[in-house]
Amino acid sequence: MCKGCWELRDQKVKPIKEYSATRLQTTGLVMGCFCVLPIPVLILASLVVNTIAIVKAKEGPAREVRWRPVVGLCVTFVGILELVVILAFAVR
C-alpha cells in the first residue's frame, strides 16, 4: 500500500493491544493457586512473581486488581506449610 493508504488505515483502525495491563497480577494468582501442590521450584517462582506483581501495581488497572497477587501470596504460604509438614514427616 502507498503511504497515504497506510495513514488512512492508521486513522480508521484501532491499534491492537499487545498485552493486558493486569497479566502479571493474574499470573501471580494462578501461580499461587498451583502452589497447593508443594513443589519447591513452583513455590519459589510464585514468591518472586507475586512480590514483583505487588510492587509494580501502583496505578491504573493493575492497582485495581492488586488483591490477586496478595491472594496468590497467601496461597503460596499454604503451600510452604504443606511442604514443611511433608518434610517433617519424611524425616521421622
PDB file of N, CA and C in Angstrom:
ATOM      1  N   MET A   1       0.842  -1.177   0.000  1.00  0.00           N
ATOM      2  CA  MET A   1       0.000   0.000   0.000  1.00  0.00           C
ATOM      3  C   MET A   1       0.890   1.245   0.000  1.00  0.00           C
ATOM      4  N   CYS A   2       0.330   2.304  -0.506  1.00  0.00           N
ATOM      5  CA  CYS A   2       1.078   3.551  -0.550  1.00  0.00           C
ATOM      6  C   CYS A   2       1.040   4.232   0.832  1.00  0.00           C
ATOM      7  N   LYS A   3       1.841   5.257   0.977  1.00  0.00           N
ATOM      8  CA  LYS A   3       1.947   5.947   2.261  1.00  0.00           C
ATOM      9  C   LYS A   3       0.601   6.554   2.687  1.00  0.00           C
ATOM     10  N   GLY A   4      -0.135   7.117   1.758  1.00  0.00           N
ATOM     11  CA  GLY A   4      -1.438   7.695   2.065  1.00  0.00           C
ATOM     12  C   GLY A   4      -2.428   6.647   2.561  1.00  0.00           C
ATOM     13  N   CYS A   5      -2.371   5.476   1.960  1.00  0.00           N
ATOM     14  CA  CYS A   5      -3.264   4.394   2.376  1.00  0.00           C
ATOM     15  C   CYS A   5      -2.946   3.938   3.803  1.00  0.00           C
ATOM     16  N   TRP A   6      -1.648   3.854   4.123  1.00  0.00           N
ATOM     17  CA  TRP A   6      -1.258   3.458   5.478  1.00  0.00           C
ATOM     18  C   TRP A   6      -1.714   4.502   6.492  1.00  0.00           C
ATOM     19  N   GLU A   7      -1.587   5.772   6.146  1.00  0.00           N
ATOM     20  CA  GLU A   7      -2.025   6.831   7.065  1.00  0.00           C
ATOM     21  C   GLU A   7      -3.537   6.768   7.274  1.00  0.00           C
ATOM     22  N   LEU A   8      -4.291   6.530   6.192  1.00  0.00           N
ATOM     23  CA  LEU A   8      -5.739   6.401   6.310  1.00  0.00           C
ATOM     24  C   LEU A   8      -6.108   5.180   7.160  1.00  0.00           C
ATOM     25  N   ARG A   9      -5.386   4.097   6.963  1.00  0.00           N
ATOM     26  CA  ARG A   9      -5.625   2.891   7.767  1.00  0.00           C
ATOM     27  C   ARG A   9      -5.358   3.169   9.238  1.00  0.00           C
ATOM     28  N   ASP A  10      -4.267   3.856   9.548  1.00  0.00           N
ATOM     29  CA  ASP A  10      -3.930   4.185  10.932  1.00  0.00           C
ATOM     30  C   ASP A  10      -5.006   5.051  11.587  1.00  0.00           C
ATOM     31  N   GLN A  11      -5.658   5.900  10.802  1.00  0.00           N
ATOM     32  CA  GLN A  11      -6.716   6.754  11.351  1.00  0.00           C
ATOM     33  C   GLN A  11      -7.988   5.954  11.622  1.00  0.00           C
ATOM     34  N   LYS A  12      -8.282   4.980  10.800  1.00  0.00           N
ATOM     35  CA  LYS A  12      -9.554   4.251  10.884  1.00  0.00           C
ATOM     36  C   LYS A  12      -9.499   3.008  11.763  1.00  0.00           C
ATOM     37  N   VAL A  13      -8.356   2.341  11.789  1.00  0.00           N
ATOM     38  CA  VAL A  13      -8.239   1.074  12.516  1.00  0.00           C
ATOM     39  C   VAL A  13      -7.592   1.331  13.873  1.00  0.00           C
ATOM     40  N   LYS A  14      -8.226   0.807  14.912  1.00  0.00           N
ATOM     41  CA  LYS A  14      -7.662   0.953  16.252  1.00  0.00           C
ATOM     42  C   LYS A  14      -6.437   0.066  16.389  1.00  0.00           C
ATOM     43  N   PRO A  15      -5.428   0.519  17.115  1.00  0.00           N
ATOM     44  CA  PRO A  15      -4.234  -0.314  17.286  1.00  0.00           C
ATOM     45  C   PRO A  15      -4.555  -1.559  18.114  1.00  0.00           C
ATOM     46  N   ILE A  16      -3.862  -2.623  17.821  1.00  0.00           N
ATOM     47  CA  ILE A  16      -4.042  -3.874  18.552  1.00  0.00           C
ATOM     48  C   ILE A  16      -3.299  -3.761  19.881  1.00  0.00           C
ATOM     49  N   LYS A  17      -4.002  -4.072  20.943  1.00  0.00           N
ATOM     50  CA  LYS A  17      -3.385  -4.012  22.265  1.00  0.00           C
ATOM     51  C   LYS A  17      -2.479  -5.226  22.420  1.00  0.00           C
ATOM     52  N   GLU A  18      -1.234  -4.976  22.726  1.00  0.00           N
ATOM     53  CA  GLU A  18      -0.238  -6.038  22.801  1.00  0.00           C
ATOM     54  C   GLU A  18      -0.486  -6.993  23.962  1.00  0.00           C
ATOM     55  N   TYR A  19      -0.773  -6.461  25.160  1.00  0.00           N
ATOM     56  CA  TYR A  19      -0.931  -7.302  26.336  1.00  0.00           C
ATOM     57  C   TYR A  19      -1.860  -6.622  27.339  1.00  0.00           C
ATOM     58  N   SER A  20      -2.334  -7.407  28.247  1.00  0.00           N
ATOM     59  CA  SER A  20      -3.215  -6.892  29.282  1.00  0.00           C
ATOM     60  C   SER A  20      -2.381  -6.188  30.348  1.00  0.00           C
ATOM     61  N   ALA A  21      -2.913  -5.119  30.901  1.00  0.00           N
ATOM     62  CA  ALA A  21      -2.189  -4.378  31.930  1.00  0.00           C
ATOM     63  C   ALA A  21      -2.176  -5.122  33.259  1.00  0.00           C
ATOM     64  N   THR A  22      -3.008  -6.154  33.372  1.00  0.00           N
ATOM     65  CA  THR A  22      -3.092  -6.882  34.637  1.00  0.00           C
ATOM     66  C   THR A  22      -2.574  -8.313  34.519  1.00  0.00           C
ATOM     67  N   ARG A  23      -1.839  -8.612  33.473  1.00  0.00           N
ATOM     68  CA  ARG A  23      -1.435 -10.004  33.281  1.00  0.00           C
ATOM     69  C   ARG A  23      -0.455 -10.476  34.352  1.00  0.00           C
ATOM     70  N   LEU A  24       0.403  -9.609  34.874  1.00  0.00           N
ATOM     71  CA  LEU A  24       1.349 -10.015  35.910  1.00  0.00           C
ATOM     72  C   LEU A  24       0.606 -10.374  37.196  1.00  0.00           C
ATOM     73  N   GLN A  25      -0.422  -9.591  37.532  1.00  0.00           N
ATOM     74  CA  GLN A  25      -1.194  -9.872  38.730  1.00  0.00           C
ATOM     75  C   GLN A  25      -1.983 -11.180  38.580  1.00  0.00           C
ATOM     76  N   THR A  26      -2.524 -11.411  37.390  1.00  0.00           N
ATOM     77  CA  THR A  26      -3.261 -12.656  37.146  1.00  0.00           C
ATOM     78  C   THR A  26      -2.322 -13.854  37.183  1.00  0.00           C
ATOM     79  N   THR A  27      -1.137 -13.704  36.630  1.00  0.00           N
ATOM     80  CA  THR A  27      -0.146 -14.780  36.659  1.00  0.00           C
ATOM     81  C   THR A  27       0.238 -15.115  38.089  1.00  0.00           C
ATOM     82  N   GLY A  28       0.384 -14.095  38.922  1.00  0.00           N
ATOM     83  CA  GLY A  28       0.708 -14.330  40.327  1.00  0.00           C
ATOM     84  C   GLY A  28      -0.371 -15.116  41.038  1.00  0.00           C
ATOM     85  N   LEU A  29      -1.631 -14.798  40.760  1.00  0.00           N
ATOM     86  CA  LEU A  29      -2.737 -15.523  41.370  1.00  0.00           C
ATOM     87  C   LEU A  29      -2.758 -16.982  40.919  1.00  0.00           C
ATOM     88  N   VAL A  30      -2.571 -17.206  39.636  1.00  0.00           N
ATOM     89  CA  VAL A  30      -2.589 -18.575  39.107  1.00  0.00           C
ATOM     90  C   VAL A  30      -1.422 -19.386  39.661  1.00  0.00           C
ATOM     91  N   MET A  31      -0.255 -18.785  39.708  1.00  0.00           N
ATOM     92  CA  MET A  31       0.905 -19.492  40.264  1.00  0.00           C
ATOM     93  C   MET A  31       0.696 -19.799  41.741  1.00  0.00           C
ATOM     94  N   GLY A  32       0.089 -18.864  42.463  1.00  0.00           N
ATOM     95  CA  GLY A  32      -0.208 -19.110  43.869  1.00  0.00           C
ATOM     96  C   GLY A  32      -1.155 -20.278  44.043  1.00  0.00           C
ATOM     97  N   CYS A  33      -2.150 -20.371  43.170  1.00  0.00           N
ATOM     98  CA  CYS A  33      -3.104 -21.491  43.252  1.00  0.00           C
ATOM     99  C   CYS A  33      -2.421 -22.825  42.971  1.00  0.00           C
ATOM    100  N   PHE A  34      -1.463 -22.831  42.068  1.00  0.00           N
ATOM    101  CA  PHE A  34      -0.738 -24.067  41.787  1.00  0.00           C
ATOM    102  C   PHE A  34       0.193 -24.466  42.931  1.00  0.00           C
ATOM    103  N   CYS A  35       0.466 -23.545  43.841  1.00  0.00           N
ATOM    104  CA  CYS A  35       1.351 -23.846  44.961  1.00  0.00           C
ATOM    105  C   CYS A  35       0.684 -24.724  46.011  1.00  0.00           C
ATOM    106  N   VAL A  36      -0.589 -25.031  45.826  1.00  0.00           N
ATOM    107  CA  VAL A  36      -1.234 -26.001  46.706  1.00  0.00           C
ATOM    108  C   VAL A  36      -0.511 -27.345  46.553  1.00  0.00           C
ATOM    109  N   LEU A  37       0.049 -27.573  45.381  1.00  0.00           N
ATOM    110  CA  LEU A  37       0.931 -28.710  45.173  1.00  0.00           C
ATOM    111  C   LEU A  37       2.299 -28.303  45.706  1.00  0.00           C
ATOM    112  N   PRO A  38       2.789 -28.943  46.747  1.00  0.00           N
ATOM    113  CA  PRO A  38       4.034 -28.484  47.379  1.00  0.00           C
ATOM    114  C   PRO A  38       5.285 -28.818  46.561  1.00  0.00           C
ATOM    115  N   ILE A  39       5.505 -28.055  45.511  1.00  0.00           N
ATOM    116  CA  ILE A  39       6.676 -28.225  44.657  1.00  0.00           C
ATOM    117  C   ILE A  39       7.603 -27.032  44.927  1.00  0.00           C
ATOM    118  N   PRO A  40       8.803 -27.282  45.462  1.00  0.00           N
ATOM    119  CA  PRO A  40       9.678 -26.176  45.882  1.00  0.00           C
ATOM    120  C   PRO A  40       9.984 -25.150  44.789  1.00  0.00           C
ATOM    121  N   VAL A  41      10.243 -25.588  43.573  1.00  0.00           N
ATOM    122  CA  VAL A  41      10.573 -24.654  42.491  1.00  0.00           C
ATOM    123  C   VAL A  41       9.376 -23.758  42.178  1.00  0.00           C
ATOM    124  N   LEU A  42       8.192 -24.332  42.177  1.00  0.00           N
ATOM    125  CA  LEU A  42       6.974 -23.573  41.916  1.00  0.00           C
ATOM    126  C   LEU A  42       6.701 -22.574  43.038  1.00  0.00           C
ATOM    127  N   ILE A  43       6.945 -22.988  44.268  1.00  0.00           N
ATOM    128  CA  ILE A  43       6.748 -22.090  45.405  1.00  0.00           C
ATOM    129  C   ILE A  43       7.699 -20.902  45.318  1.00  0.00           C
ATOM    130  N   LEU A  44       8.953 -21.163  45.004  1.00  0.00           N
ATOM    131  CA  LEU A  44       9.937 -20.081  44.871  1.00  0.00           C
ATOM    132  C   LEU A  44       9.555 -19.128  43.741  1.00  0.00           C
ATOM    133  N   ALA A  45       9.147 -19.681  42.604  1.00  0.00           N
ATOM    134  CA  ALA A  45       8.744 -18.846  41.470  1.00  0.00           C
ATOM    135  C   ALA A  45       7.518 -18.013  41.824  1.00  0.00           C
ATOM    136  N   SER A  46       6.577 -18.595  42.548  1.00  0.00           N
ATOM    137  CA  SER A  46       5.383 -17.869  42.951  1.00  0.00           C
ATOM    138  C   SER A  46       5.713 -16.732  43.903  1.00  0.00           C
ATOM    139  N   LEU A  47       6.627 -16.972  44.823  1.00  0.00           N
ATOM    140  CA  LEU A  47       7.049 -15.905  45.747  1.00  0.00           C
ATOM    141  C   LEU A  47       7.641 -14.723  44.982  1.00  0.00           C
ATOM    142  N   VAL A  48       8.476 -15.029  44.003  1.00  0.00           N
ATOM    143  CA  VAL A  48       9.128 -13.970  43.222  1.00  0.00           C
ATOM    144  C   VAL A  48       8.099 -13.207  42.378  1.00  0.00           C
ATOM    145  N   VAL A  49       7.254 -13.938  41.645  1.00  0.00           N
ATOM    146  CA  VAL A  49       6.284 -13.298  40.744  1.00  0.00           C
ATOM    147  C   VAL A  49       5.272 -12.467  41.540  1.00  0.00           C
ATOM    148  N   ASN A  50       4.767 -13.010  42.633  1.00  0.00           N
ATOM    149  CA  ASN A  50       3.781 -12.268  43.418  1.00  0.00           C
ATOM    150  C   ASN A  50       4.375 -11.035  44.077  1.00  0.00           C
ATOM    151  N   THR A  51       5.612 -11.132  44.531  1.00  0.00           N
ATOM    152  CA  THR A  51       6.264  -9.953  45.113  1.00  0.00           C
ATOM    153  C   THR A  51       6.443  -8.864  44.067  1.00  0.00           C
ATOM    154  N   ILE A  52       6.893  -9.227  42.881  1.00  0.00           N
ATOM    155  CA  ILE A  52       7.053  -8.253  41.801  1.00  0.00           C
ATOM    156  C   ILE A  52       5.705  -7.663  41.414  1.00  0.00           C
ATOM    157  N   ALA A  53       4.669  -8.507  41.349  1.00  0.00           N
ATOM    158  CA  ALA A  53       3.334  -8.032  40.965  1.00  0.00           C
ATOM    159  C   ALA A  53       2.784  -7.034  41.981  1.00  0.00           C
ATOM    160  N   ILE A  54       3.030  -7.267  43.251  1.00  0.00           N
ATOM    161  CA  ILE A  54       2.558  -6.340  44.284  1.00  0.00           C
ATOM    162  C   ILE A  54       3.300  -5.014  44.184  1.00  0.00           C
ATOM    163  N   VAL A  55       4.593  -5.080  43.981  1.00  0.00           N
ATOM    164  CA  VAL A  55       5.402  -3.852  43.911  1.00  0.00           C
ATOM    165  C   VAL A  55       5.052  -3.031  42.669  1.00  0.00           C
ATOM    166  N   LYS A  56       4.804  -3.687  41.544  1.00  0.00           N
ATOM    167  CA  LYS A  56       4.539  -2.961  40.295  1.00  0.00           C
ATOM    168  C   LYS A  56       3.113  -2.442  40.173  1.00  0.00           C
ATOM    169  N   ALA A  57       2.203  -2.895  41.023  1.00  0.00           N
ATOM    170  CA  ALA A  57       0.798  -2.479  40.933  1.00  0.00           C
ATOM    171  C   ALA A  57       0.599  -1.169  41.674  1.00  0.00           C
ATOM    172  N   LYS A  58       1.069  -0.077  41.089  1.00  0.00           N
ATOM    173  CA  LYS A  58       0.992   1.223  41.751  1.00  0.00           C
ATOM    174  C   LYS A  58      -0.116   2.107  41.218  1.00  0.00           C
ATOM    175  N   GLU A  59      -0.494   1.932  39.946  1.00  0.00           N
ATOM    176  CA  GLU A  59      -1.515   2.807  39.370  1.00  0.00           C
ATOM    177  C   GLU A  59      -2.210   2.107  38.209  1.00  0.00           C
ATOM    178  N   GLY A  60      -3.317   2.658  37.815  1.00  0.00           N
ATOM    179  CA  GLY A  60      -4.063   2.150  36.667  1.00  0.00           C
ATOM    180  C   GLY A  60      -4.815   0.872  36.977  1.00  0.00           C
ATOM    181  N   PRO A  61      -5.042   0.076  35.942  1.00  0.00           N
ATOM    182  CA  PRO A  61      -5.808  -1.157  36.123  1.00  0.00           C
ATOM    183  C   PRO A  61      -5.117  -2.148  37.059  1.00  0.00           C
ATOM    184  N   ALA A  62      -3.797  -2.144  37.085  1.00  0.00           N
ATOM    185  CA  ALA A  62      -3.067  -3.061  37.953  1.00  0.00           C
ATOM    186  C   ALA A  62      -3.340  -2.763  39.422  1.00  0.00           C
ATOM    187  N   ARG A  63      -3.524  -1.504  39.743  1.00  0.00           N
ATOM    188  CA  ARG A  63      -3.814  -1.114  41.131  1.00  0.00           C
ATOM    189  C   ARG A  63      -5.173  -1.652  41.579  1.00  0.00           C
ATOM    190  N   GLU A  64      -6.120  -1.692  40.650  1.00  0.00           N
ATOM    191  CA  GLU A  64      -7.459  -2.169  40.980  1.00  0.00           C
ATOM    192  C   GLU A  64      -7.497  -3.667  41.261  1.00  0.00           C
ATOM    193  N   VAL A  65      -6.583  -4.429  40.692  1.00  0.00           N
ATOM    194  CA  VAL A  65      -6.556  -5.881  40.909  1.00  0.00           C
ATOM    195  C   VAL A  65      -5.341  -6.295  41.738  1.00  0.00           C
ATOM    196  N   ARG A  66      -4.897  -5.413  42.610  1.00  0.00           N
ATOM    197  CA  ARG A  66      -3.750  -5.711  43.450  1.00  0.00           C
ATOM    198  C   ARG A  66      -4.039  -6.862  44.416  1.00  0.00           C
ATOM    199  N   TRP A  67      -5.311  -7.167  44.622  1.00  0.00           N
ATOM    200  CA  TRP A  67      -5.682  -8.256  45.522  1.00  0.00           C
ATOM    201  C   TRP A  67      -5.252  -9.609  44.964  1.00  0.00           C
ATOM    202  N   ARG A  68      -5.101  -9.725  43.662  1.00  0.00           N
ATOM    203  CA  ARG A  68      -4.754 -11.015  43.063  1.00  0.00           C
ATOM    204  C   ARG A  68      -3.400 -11.536  43.530  1.00  0.00           C
ATOM    205  N   PRO A  69      -2.319 -10.744  43.431  1.00  0.00           N
ATOM    206  CA  PRO A  69      -1.045 -11.280  43.924  1.00  0.00           C
ATOM    207  C   PRO A  69      -1.023 -11.445  45.443  1.00  0.00           C
ATOM    208  N   VAL A  70      -1.826 -10.662  46.158  1.00  0.00           N
ATOM    209  CA  VAL A  70      -1.887 -10.829  47.615  1.00  0.00           C
ATOM    210  C   VAL A  70      -2.504 -12.181  47.949  1.00  0.00           C
ATOM    211  N   VAL A  71      -3.603 -12.531  47.270  1.00  0.00           N
ATOM    212  CA  VAL A  71      -4.221 -13.849  47.468  1.00  0.00           C
ATOM    213  C   VAL A  71      -3.268 -14.945  47.007  1.00  0.00           C
ATOM    214  N   GLY A  72      -2.588 -14.725  45.890  1.00  0.00           N
ATOM    215  CA  GLY A  72      -1.612 -15.702  45.406  1.00  0.00           C
ATOM    216  C   GLY A  72      -0.501 -15.938  46.407  1.00  0.00           C
ATOM    217  N   LEU A  73      -0.059 -14.876  47.067  1.00  0.00           N
ATOM    218  CA  LEU A  73       0.984 -14.993  48.082  1.00  0.00           C
ATOM    219  C   LEU A  73       0.476 -15.757  49.300  1.00  0.00           C
ATOM    220  N   CYS A  74      -0.759 -15.516  49.690  1.00  0.00           N
ATOM    221  CA  CYS A  74      -1.347 -16.244  50.820  1.00  0.00           C
ATOM    222  C   CYS A  74      -1.448 -17.733  50.528  1.00  0.00           C
ATOM    223  N   VAL A  75      -1.877 -18.076  49.328  1.00  0.00           N
ATOM    224  CA  VAL A  75      -1.976 -19.492  48.960  1.00  0.00           C
ATOM    225  C   VAL A  75      -0.583 -20.103  48.849  1.00  0.00           C
ATOM    226  N   THR A  76       0.397 -19.320  48.446  1.00  0.00           N
ATOM    227  CA  THR A  76       1.771 -19.805  48.395  1.00  0.00           C
ATOM    228  C   THR A  76       2.259 -20.178  49.782  1.00  0.00           C
ATOM    229  N   PHE A  77       1.890 -19.378  50.785  1.00  0.00           N
ATOM    230  CA  PHE A  77       2.287 -19.701  52.151  1.00  0.00           C
ATOM    231  C   PHE A  77       1.618 -20.986  52.629  1.00  0.00           C
ATOM    232  N   VAL A  78       0.424 -21.265  52.154  1.00  0.00           N
ATOM    233  CA  VAL A  78      -0.217 -22.552  52.459  1.00  0.00           C
ATOM    234  C   VAL A  78       0.614 -23.686  51.857  1.00  0.00           C
ATOM    235  N   GLY A  79       1.092 -23.495  50.647  1.00  0.00           N
ATOM    236  CA  GLY A  79       1.959 -24.494  50.015  1.00  0.00           C
ATOM    237  C   GLY A  79       3.261 -24.684  50.772  1.00  0.00           C
ATOM    238  N   ILE A  80       3.804 -23.591  51.312  1.00  0.00           N
ATOM    239  CA  ILE A  80       5.029 -23.690  52.105  1.00  0.00           C
ATOM    240  C   ILE A  80       4.757 -24.509  53.371  1.00  0.00           C
ATOM    241  N   LEU A  81       3.630 -24.261  54.019  1.00  0.00           N
ATOM    242  CA  LEU A  81       3.276 -25.034  55.216  1.00  0.00           C
ATOM    243  C   LEU A  81       3.096 -26.519  54.884  1.00  0.00           C
ATOM    244  N   GLU A  82       2.470 -26.805  53.768  1.00  0.00           N
ATOM    245  CA  GLU A  82       2.322 -28.197  53.341  1.00  0.00           C
ATOM    246  C   GLU A  82       3.686 -28.842  53.132  1.00  0.00           C
ATOM    247  N   LEU A  83       4.587 -28.123  52.493  1.00  0.00           N
ATOM    248  CA  LEU A  83       5.917 -28.654  52.233  1.00  0.00           C
ATOM    249  C   LEU A  83       6.667 -28.917  53.536  1.00  0.00           C
ATOM    250  N   VAL A  84       6.541 -28.004  54.488  1.00  0.00           N
ATOM    251  CA  VAL A  84       7.202 -28.175  55.786  1.00  0.00           C
ATOM    252  C   VAL A  84       6.651 -29.415  56.504  1.00  0.00           C
ATOM    253  N   VAL A  85       5.334 -29.572  56.488  1.00  0.00           N
ATOM    254  CA  VAL A  85       4.723 -30.734  57.132  1.00  0.00           C
ATOM    255  C   VAL A  85       5.164 -32.020  56.470  1.00  0.00           C
ATOM    256  N   ILE A  86       5.192 -32.048  55.149  1.00  0.00           N
ATOM    257  CA  ILE A  86       5.628 -33.249  54.420  1.00  0.00           C
ATOM    258  C   ILE A  86       7.081 -33.578  54.750  1.00  0.00           C
ATOM    259  N   LEU A  87       7.936 -32.560  54.758  1.00  0.00           N
ATOM    260  CA  LEU A  87       9.350 -32.795  55.083  1.00  0.00           C
ATOM    261  C   LEU A  87       9.528 -33.235  56.535  1.00  0.00           C
ATOM    262  N   ALA A  88       8.699 -32.706  57.447  1.00  0.00           N
ATOM    263  CA  ALA A  88       8.812 -33.082  58.865  1.00  0.00           C
ATOM    264  C   ALA A  88       8.448 -34.548  59.051  1.00  0.00           C
ATOM    265  N   PHE A  89       7.423 -35.016  58.348  1.00  0.00           N
ATOM    266  CA  PHE A  89       7.048 -36.416  58.471  1.00  0.00           C
ATOM    267  C   PHE A  89       7.998 -37.322  57.691  1.00  0.00           C
ATOM    268  N   ALA A  90       8.658 -36.809  56.682  1.00  0.00           N
ATOM    269  CA  ALA A  90       9.610 -37.614  55.920  1.00  0.00           C
ATOM    270  C   ALA A  90      10.882 -37.876  56.720  1.00  0.00           C
ATOM    271  N   VAL A  91      11.217 -36.951  57.615  1.00  0.00           N
ATOM    272  CA  VAL A  91      12.434 -37.092  58.417  1.00  0.00           C
ATOM    273  C   VAL A  91      12.239 -38.159  59.484  1.00  0.00           C
ATOM    274  N   ARG A  92      11.034 -38.312  59.975  1.00  0.00           N
ATOM    275  CA  ARG A  92      10.775 -39.308  61.026  1.00  0.00           C
ATOM    276  C   ARG A  92      11.049 -40.669  60.552  1.00  0.00           C
TER     277      ARG A  92
END
